[in-house]
N, C-alpha and C. Protein backbone atom coordinates (compact mmCIF):
# COMPACT_ATOMS: atom_id res chain seq x y z
N MET A 1 95.25 75.57 60.96
CA MET A 1 95.89 76.84 60.70
C MET A 1 94.90 77.98 60.92
N CYS A 2 93.65 77.75 60.63
CA CYS A 2 92.62 78.77 60.76
C CYS A 2 92.43 79.17 62.22
N GLY A 3 92.72 78.27 63.17
CA GLY A 3 92.55 78.56 64.59
C GLY A 3 93.56 79.56 65.10
N PHE A 4 94.73 79.65 64.46
CA PHE A 4 95.75 80.59 64.89
C PHE A 4 95.51 82.01 64.38
N ALA A 5 94.77 82.16 63.32
CA ALA A 5 94.54 83.47 62.73
C ALA A 5 93.82 84.43 63.70
N PRO A 6 92.75 83.98 64.38
CA PRO A 6 92.12 84.89 65.34
C PRO A 6 93.05 85.27 66.49
N LEU A 7 93.89 84.31 66.91
CA LEU A 7 94.86 84.58 67.97
C LEU A 7 95.89 85.60 67.50
N ALA A 8 96.36 85.45 66.27
CA ALA A 8 97.30 86.43 65.71
C ALA A 8 96.64 87.80 65.59
N PHE A 9 95.39 87.80 65.19
CA PHE A 9 94.63 89.05 65.08
C PHE A 9 94.56 89.76 66.43
N ALA A 10 94.19 89.03 67.46
CA ALA A 10 94.06 89.60 68.80
C ALA A 10 95.42 90.06 69.34
N THR A 11 96.44 89.25 69.09
CA THR A 11 97.79 89.61 69.54
C THR A 11 98.26 90.89 68.86
N SER A 12 98.00 91.00 67.59
CA SER A 12 98.39 92.21 66.84
C SER A 12 97.67 93.43 67.39
N ALA A 13 96.40 93.31 67.68
CA ALA A 13 95.63 94.43 68.21
C ALA A 13 96.14 94.85 69.59
N VAL A 14 96.37 93.86 70.45
CA VAL A 14 96.86 94.15 71.80
C VAL A 14 98.25 94.79 71.74
N THR A 15 99.10 94.27 70.87
CA THR A 15 100.44 94.83 70.72
C THR A 15 100.39 96.28 70.24
N GLY A 16 99.52 96.57 69.29
CA GLY A 16 99.36 97.93 68.80
C GLY A 16 98.87 98.88 69.87
N ILE A 17 97.89 98.44 70.64
CA ILE A 17 97.35 99.27 71.72
C ILE A 17 98.42 99.51 72.79
N TYR A 18 99.14 98.44 73.12
CA TYR A 18 100.23 98.58 74.10
C TYR A 18 101.27 99.57 73.60
N GLY A 19 101.62 99.49 72.32
CA GLY A 19 102.58 100.42 71.74
C GLY A 19 102.10 101.86 71.81
N ALA A 20 100.81 102.06 71.57
CA ALA A 20 100.24 103.42 71.64
C ALA A 20 100.35 103.97 73.06
N PHE A 21 100.00 103.15 74.05
CA PHE A 21 100.09 103.59 75.44
C PHE A 21 101.55 103.82 75.84
N SER A 22 102.44 102.95 75.40
CA SER A 22 103.86 103.10 75.73
C SER A 22 104.42 104.39 75.14
N SER A 23 104.06 104.66 73.89
CA SER A 23 104.51 105.88 73.24
C SER A 23 104.02 107.11 74.00
N ARG A 24 102.77 107.10 74.39
CA ARG A 24 102.21 108.22 75.13
C ARG A 24 102.91 108.38 76.48
N ASN A 25 103.10 107.29 77.19
CA ASN A 25 103.72 107.36 78.51
C ASN A 25 105.16 107.86 78.44
N MET A 26 105.89 107.42 77.42
CA MET A 26 107.27 107.87 77.26
C MET A 26 107.32 109.37 76.99
N ALA A 27 106.46 109.83 76.12
CA ALA A 27 106.44 111.27 75.80
C ALA A 27 106.00 112.09 77.02
N LYS A 28 105.06 111.57 77.80
CA LYS A 28 104.63 112.28 79.01
C LYS A 28 105.76 112.32 80.04
N SER A 29 106.54 111.25 80.12
CA SER A 29 107.71 111.25 81.02
C SER A 29 108.73 112.29 80.56
N ASN A 30 108.95 112.37 79.26
CA ASN A 30 109.88 113.37 78.73
C ASN A 30 109.38 114.78 79.04
N ALA A 31 108.08 115.00 78.91
CA ALA A 31 107.51 116.32 79.21
C ALA A 31 107.70 116.66 80.69
N ALA A 32 107.45 115.70 81.56
CA ALA A 32 107.61 115.94 83.00
C ALA A 32 109.08 116.24 83.32
N MET A 33 109.99 115.53 82.69
CA MET A 33 111.41 115.77 82.92
C MET A 33 111.81 117.16 82.44
N SER A 34 111.29 117.59 81.31
CA SER A 34 111.60 118.92 80.80
C SER A 34 111.05 120.00 81.73
N ARG A 35 109.85 119.78 82.26
CA ARG A 35 109.29 120.75 83.21
C ARG A 35 110.13 120.81 84.49
N TYR A 36 110.58 119.66 84.96
CA TYR A 36 111.44 119.61 86.15
C TYR A 36 112.75 120.34 85.88
N GLU A 37 113.35 120.09 84.70
CA GLU A 37 114.60 120.77 84.35
C GLU A 37 114.39 122.27 84.24
N ALA A 38 113.23 122.71 83.74
CA ALA A 38 112.94 124.14 83.66
C ALA A 38 112.89 124.74 85.06
N ALA A 39 112.25 124.05 85.99
CA ALA A 39 112.16 124.55 87.36
C ALA A 39 113.55 124.60 88.01
N GLN A 40 114.35 123.57 87.78
CA GLN A 40 115.71 123.55 88.32
C GLN A 40 116.55 124.67 87.72
N THR A 41 116.40 124.89 86.43
CA THR A 41 117.15 125.95 85.76
C THR A 41 116.77 127.31 86.35
N ARG A 42 115.47 127.50 86.61
CA ARG A 42 115.02 128.76 87.20
C ARG A 42 115.65 128.95 88.58
N GLU A 43 115.67 127.90 89.40
CA GLU A 43 116.25 128.00 90.74
C GLU A 43 117.75 128.26 90.69
N ILE A 44 118.44 127.55 89.81
CA ILE A 44 119.89 127.74 89.68
C ILE A 44 120.19 129.15 89.19
N GLY A 45 119.39 129.62 88.23
CA GLY A 45 119.59 130.97 87.72
C GLY A 45 119.40 132.02 88.79
N ALA A 46 118.35 131.86 89.60
CA ALA A 46 118.11 132.82 90.69
C ALA A 46 119.25 132.79 91.69
N PHE A 47 119.76 131.61 92.00
CA PHE A 47 120.88 131.49 92.93
C PHE A 47 122.12 132.15 92.35
N ASN A 48 122.42 131.88 91.07
CA ASN A 48 123.60 132.48 90.44
C ASN A 48 123.48 134.00 90.35
N GLU A 49 122.28 134.48 90.09
CA GLU A 49 122.07 135.94 90.04
C GLU A 49 122.33 136.55 91.41
N MET A 50 121.80 135.91 92.46
CA MET A 50 122.02 136.40 93.82
C MET A 50 123.51 136.36 94.17
N ARG A 51 124.15 135.27 93.82
CA ARG A 51 125.58 135.13 94.11
C ARG A 51 126.38 136.20 93.37
N GLY A 52 126.01 136.48 92.13
CA GLY A 52 126.70 137.52 91.36
C GLY A 52 126.52 138.90 91.98
N ARG A 53 125.27 139.17 92.44
CA ARG A 53 125.03 140.46 93.10
C ARG A 53 125.85 140.59 94.37
N ASP A 54 125.90 139.51 95.14
CA ASP A 54 126.68 139.53 96.39
C ASP A 54 128.17 139.74 96.10
N LYS A 55 128.66 139.06 95.09
CA LYS A 55 130.08 139.18 94.73
C LYS A 55 130.39 140.62 94.31
N MET A 56 129.51 141.19 93.48
CA MET A 56 129.74 142.55 93.02
C MET A 56 129.64 143.53 94.18
N SER A 57 128.72 143.29 95.10
CA SER A 57 128.59 144.17 96.27
C SER A 57 129.86 144.12 97.12
N ARG A 58 130.42 142.93 97.27
CA ARG A 58 131.67 142.80 98.03
C ARG A 58 132.81 143.53 97.32
N LEU A 59 132.84 143.42 95.99
CA LEU A 59 133.90 144.11 95.23
C LEU A 59 133.76 145.63 95.37
N ILE A 60 132.53 146.12 95.32
CA ILE A 60 132.29 147.56 95.47
C ILE A 60 132.71 148.01 96.88
N ALA A 61 132.35 147.22 97.88
CA ALA A 61 132.71 147.57 99.26
C ALA A 61 134.24 147.56 99.42
N ARG A 62 134.89 146.58 98.82
CA ARG A 62 136.36 146.52 98.90
C ARG A 62 136.97 147.73 98.21
N GLN A 63 136.42 148.08 97.05
CA GLN A 63 136.93 149.23 96.31
C GLN A 63 136.76 150.52 97.13
N ARG A 64 135.60 150.67 97.74
CA ARG A 64 135.37 151.85 98.59
C ARG A 64 136.35 151.88 99.76
N GLY A 65 136.57 150.70 100.35
CA GLY A 65 137.51 150.61 101.47
C GLY A 65 138.92 150.98 101.04
N GLN A 66 139.34 150.51 99.89
CA GLN A 66 140.68 150.83 99.39
C GLN A 66 140.82 152.32 99.10
N LEU A 67 139.76 152.90 98.51
CA LEU A 67 139.80 154.34 98.23
C LEU A 67 139.83 155.14 99.53
N ALA A 68 139.03 154.73 100.50
CA ALA A 68 139.02 155.44 101.79
C ALA A 68 140.36 155.31 102.48
N ALA A 69 141.00 154.13 102.38
CA ALA A 69 142.31 153.93 103.00
C ALA A 69 143.36 154.84 102.37
N ARG A 70 143.16 155.22 101.12
CA ARG A 70 144.09 156.12 100.43
C ARG A 70 143.73 157.59 100.67
N GLY A 71 142.66 157.77 101.42
CA GLY A 71 142.26 159.13 101.74
C GLY A 71 141.35 159.78 100.70
N VAL A 72 140.78 158.96 99.81
CA VAL A 72 139.90 159.50 98.78
C VAL A 72 138.50 159.63 99.35
N ASP A 73 137.90 160.78 99.13
CA ASP A 73 136.52 161.02 99.58
C ASP A 73 135.58 160.27 98.64
N GLY A 74 134.83 159.30 99.15
CA GLY A 74 133.96 158.46 98.33
C GLY A 74 132.74 159.17 97.79
N SER A 75 132.49 160.38 98.25
CA SER A 75 131.30 161.10 97.79
C SER A 75 131.63 162.17 96.77
N ALA A 76 132.85 162.17 96.27
CA ALA A 76 133.23 163.23 95.34
C ALA A 76 133.90 162.68 94.09
N GLY A 77 133.69 163.39 92.99
CA GLY A 77 134.42 163.20 91.74
C GLY A 77 134.55 161.79 91.23
N SER A 78 135.78 161.38 90.96
CA SER A 78 136.03 160.10 90.31
C SER A 78 135.66 158.91 91.19
N ALA A 79 135.74 159.06 92.49
CA ALA A 79 135.33 157.97 93.39
C ALA A 79 133.84 157.71 93.26
N LEU A 80 133.07 158.75 93.15
CA LEU A 80 131.63 158.62 92.97
C LEU A 80 131.32 157.99 91.62
N ASP A 81 132.05 158.43 90.61
CA ASP A 81 131.88 157.87 89.27
C ASP A 81 132.19 156.37 89.26
N LEU A 82 133.26 155.98 89.96
CA LEU A 82 133.60 154.56 90.04
C LEU A 82 132.50 153.76 90.71
N GLY A 83 131.92 154.32 91.77
CA GLY A 83 130.84 153.64 92.47
C GLY A 83 129.62 153.48 91.59
N GLU A 84 129.28 154.53 90.85
CA GLU A 84 128.14 154.44 89.95
C GLU A 84 128.39 153.42 88.83
N GLU A 85 129.61 153.41 88.33
CA GLU A 85 129.94 152.46 87.26
C GLU A 85 129.86 151.02 87.77
N ALA A 86 130.36 150.80 88.98
CA ALA A 86 130.30 149.46 89.56
C ALA A 86 128.85 149.03 89.80
N ALA A 87 128.02 149.96 90.26
CA ALA A 87 126.60 149.64 90.49
C ALA A 87 125.92 149.31 89.17
N TYR A 88 126.23 150.09 88.14
CA TYR A 88 125.65 149.82 86.82
C TYR A 88 126.11 148.45 86.31
N GLU A 89 127.37 148.13 86.53
CA GLU A 89 127.91 146.82 86.11
C GLU A 89 127.19 145.69 86.85
N ARG A 90 126.94 145.88 88.13
CA ARG A 90 126.22 144.87 88.92
C ARG A 90 124.81 144.68 88.35
N PHE A 91 124.14 145.78 88.03
CA PHE A 91 122.81 145.71 87.45
C PHE A 91 122.84 144.99 86.11
N THR A 92 123.79 145.32 85.26
CA THR A 92 123.90 144.72 83.93
C THR A 92 124.17 143.21 84.02
N GLU A 93 125.04 142.83 84.92
CA GLU A 93 125.33 141.41 85.12
C GLU A 93 124.09 140.65 85.59
N ALA A 94 123.33 141.24 86.49
CA ALA A 94 122.11 140.60 86.98
C ALA A 94 121.10 140.45 85.85
N GLN A 95 120.95 141.48 85.03
CA GLN A 95 120.03 141.41 83.90
C GLN A 95 120.46 140.33 82.90
N ALA A 96 121.74 140.25 82.61
CA ALA A 96 122.24 139.24 81.67
C ALA A 96 122.02 137.83 82.22
N SER A 97 122.25 137.67 83.51
CA SER A 97 122.03 136.36 84.14
C SER A 97 120.56 135.98 84.07
N ARG A 98 119.68 136.93 84.37
CA ARG A 98 118.25 136.66 84.33
C ARG A 98 117.80 136.33 82.91
N PHE A 99 118.30 137.07 81.94
CA PHE A 99 117.95 136.82 80.54
C PHE A 99 118.38 135.41 80.12
N ASN A 100 119.61 135.04 80.44
CA ASN A 100 120.11 133.71 80.07
C ASN A 100 119.30 132.61 80.75
N THR A 101 118.97 132.82 82.01
CA THR A 101 118.16 131.83 82.72
C THR A 101 116.78 131.71 82.08
N ASN A 102 116.15 132.84 81.80
CA ASN A 102 114.82 132.81 81.18
C ASN A 102 114.86 132.13 79.81
N GLN A 103 115.92 132.35 79.08
CA GLN A 103 116.06 131.71 77.77
C GLN A 103 116.14 130.18 77.92
N ARG A 104 116.93 129.71 78.89
CA ARG A 104 117.05 128.26 79.10
C ARG A 104 115.73 127.67 79.61
N VAL A 105 115.05 128.40 80.50
CA VAL A 105 113.76 127.94 81.03
C VAL A 105 112.74 127.83 79.90
N THR A 106 112.69 128.82 79.04
CA THR A 106 111.76 128.80 77.91
C THR A 106 112.04 127.61 77.00
N ALA A 107 113.31 127.33 76.75
CA ALA A 107 113.66 126.18 75.91
C ALA A 107 113.16 124.88 76.54
N LYS A 108 113.32 124.74 77.85
CA LYS A 108 112.85 123.53 78.53
C LYS A 108 111.33 123.44 78.52
N GLN A 109 110.67 124.58 78.70
CA GLN A 109 109.20 124.57 78.64
C GLN A 109 108.72 124.21 77.24
N ASN A 110 109.42 124.68 76.22
CA ASN A 110 109.07 124.31 74.85
C ASN A 110 109.27 122.82 74.60
N GLU A 111 110.35 122.26 75.16
CA GLU A 111 110.57 120.82 75.06
C GLU A 111 109.41 120.06 75.69
N ALA A 112 108.95 120.54 76.84
CA ALA A 112 107.83 119.89 77.52
C ALA A 112 106.57 119.95 76.66
N ALA A 113 106.32 121.10 76.05
CA ALA A 113 105.13 121.24 75.20
C ALA A 113 105.21 120.31 73.99
N ILE A 114 106.38 120.21 73.41
CA ILE A 114 106.56 119.31 72.26
C ILE A 114 106.35 117.86 72.69
N SER A 115 106.87 117.50 73.84
CA SER A 115 106.69 116.13 74.33
C SER A 115 105.22 115.84 74.62
N ASP A 116 104.51 116.83 75.17
CA ASP A 116 103.07 116.65 75.39
C ASP A 116 102.35 116.42 74.06
N TYR A 117 102.72 117.20 73.06
CA TYR A 117 102.12 117.03 71.73
C TYR A 117 102.45 115.65 71.17
N GLN A 118 103.70 115.23 71.32
CA GLN A 118 104.09 113.91 70.84
C GLN A 118 103.34 112.81 71.58
N ALA A 119 103.05 113.03 72.85
CA ALA A 119 102.28 112.04 73.60
C ALA A 119 100.90 111.87 72.99
N SER A 120 100.26 112.98 72.69
CA SER A 120 98.91 112.92 72.11
C SER A 120 98.92 112.32 70.72
N THR A 121 99.80 112.84 69.87
CA THR A 121 99.81 112.35 68.49
C THR A 121 100.30 110.92 68.40
N GLY A 122 101.29 110.56 69.22
CA GLY A 122 101.78 109.18 69.20
C GLY A 122 100.70 108.20 69.62
N PHE A 123 99.95 108.60 70.64
CA PHE A 123 98.87 107.74 71.11
C PHE A 123 97.79 107.60 70.04
N LEU A 124 97.37 108.72 69.48
CA LEU A 124 96.32 108.66 68.44
C LEU A 124 96.80 107.90 67.21
N ASN A 125 98.02 108.16 66.78
CA ASN A 125 98.54 107.43 65.62
C ASN A 125 98.60 105.93 65.90
N GLY A 126 99.04 105.59 67.09
CA GLY A 126 99.10 104.17 67.44
C GLY A 126 97.73 103.52 67.48
N MET A 127 96.78 104.21 68.06
CA MET A 127 95.43 103.65 68.16
C MET A 127 94.76 103.55 66.78
N PHE A 128 94.86 104.63 65.98
CA PHE A 128 94.26 104.57 64.65
C PHE A 128 94.97 103.57 63.75
N GLY A 129 96.28 103.47 63.88
CA GLY A 129 97.02 102.47 63.10
C GLY A 129 96.62 101.06 63.48
N THR A 130 96.44 100.84 64.77
CA THR A 130 96.00 99.53 65.24
C THR A 130 94.59 99.23 64.74
N ALA A 131 93.72 100.22 64.79
CA ALA A 131 92.35 100.02 64.31
C ALA A 131 92.34 99.68 62.82
N ALA A 132 93.12 100.43 62.04
CA ALA A 132 93.17 100.17 60.60
C ALA A 132 93.74 98.79 60.31
N ASN A 133 94.78 98.43 61.02
CA ASN A 133 95.40 97.12 60.84
C ASN A 133 94.42 96.01 61.25
N SER A 134 93.72 96.24 62.34
CA SER A 134 92.76 95.23 62.81
C SER A 134 91.62 95.04 61.82
N MET A 135 91.15 96.16 61.24
CA MET A 135 90.08 96.04 60.24
C MET A 135 90.55 95.28 59.00
N THR A 136 91.77 95.58 58.58
CA THR A 136 92.32 94.87 57.42
C THR A 136 92.45 93.38 57.71
N GLN A 137 92.99 93.06 58.88
CA GLN A 137 93.14 91.65 59.24
C GLN A 137 91.77 90.98 59.41
N ALA A 138 90.81 91.71 59.99
CA ALA A 138 89.47 91.13 60.16
C ALA A 138 88.85 90.82 58.82
N LEU A 139 89.01 91.68 57.84
CA LEU A 139 88.47 91.44 56.51
C LEU A 139 89.15 90.25 55.83
N GLN A 140 90.44 90.07 56.12
CA GLN A 140 91.13 88.91 55.55
C GLN A 140 90.68 87.62 56.21
N LEU A 141 90.43 87.68 57.52
CA LEU A 141 89.99 86.50 58.25
C LEU A 141 88.53 86.16 57.97
N TRP A 142 87.70 87.19 57.93
CA TRP A 142 86.28 87.00 57.76
C TRP A 142 85.78 87.87 56.59
N PRO A 143 85.99 87.43 55.37
CA PRO A 143 85.64 88.24 54.21
C PRO A 143 84.16 88.63 54.18
N GLU A 144 83.31 87.87 54.84
CA GLU A 144 81.88 88.18 54.81
C GLU A 144 81.58 89.50 55.55
N LEU A 145 82.52 90.00 56.36
CA LEU A 145 82.31 91.27 57.04
C LEU A 145 82.29 92.44 56.06
N GLY A 146 82.98 92.28 54.96
CA GLY A 146 83.08 93.35 53.97
C GLY A 146 81.86 93.46 53.08
N ALA A 147 80.96 92.55 53.19
CA ALA A 147 79.78 92.56 52.30
C ALA A 147 78.70 93.47 52.79
């Protein structure tokens, strides 16, 4: 029975070390995925912002065309006011889109930072836990080490 104790000791140590590395690798994968998602969110946001600006520009052009077809002078009075209001609306929509995108990107970057932290702490906890467990088992197997 005594011959199996050192094998169990070694197996326990190897398993603990493997667990520490696995924990770190999983957290690093999660961090990489969050960074990738942040980059994708930024690209999608920029595309949506551009698409929104284009859509609003087309609406403004259509509105100007409709007013001109009715004989309204686009450089005077209420027609000018409508154009300015539409331009302001286009600007506001772009700002809101950018803000929402930045908020989602920041959340993903924070997830990545948390995962990086979990990678470090998980690895250290696993390694120190394995070391403590190994020392306890070593003292049980070889009590003369404690003297």
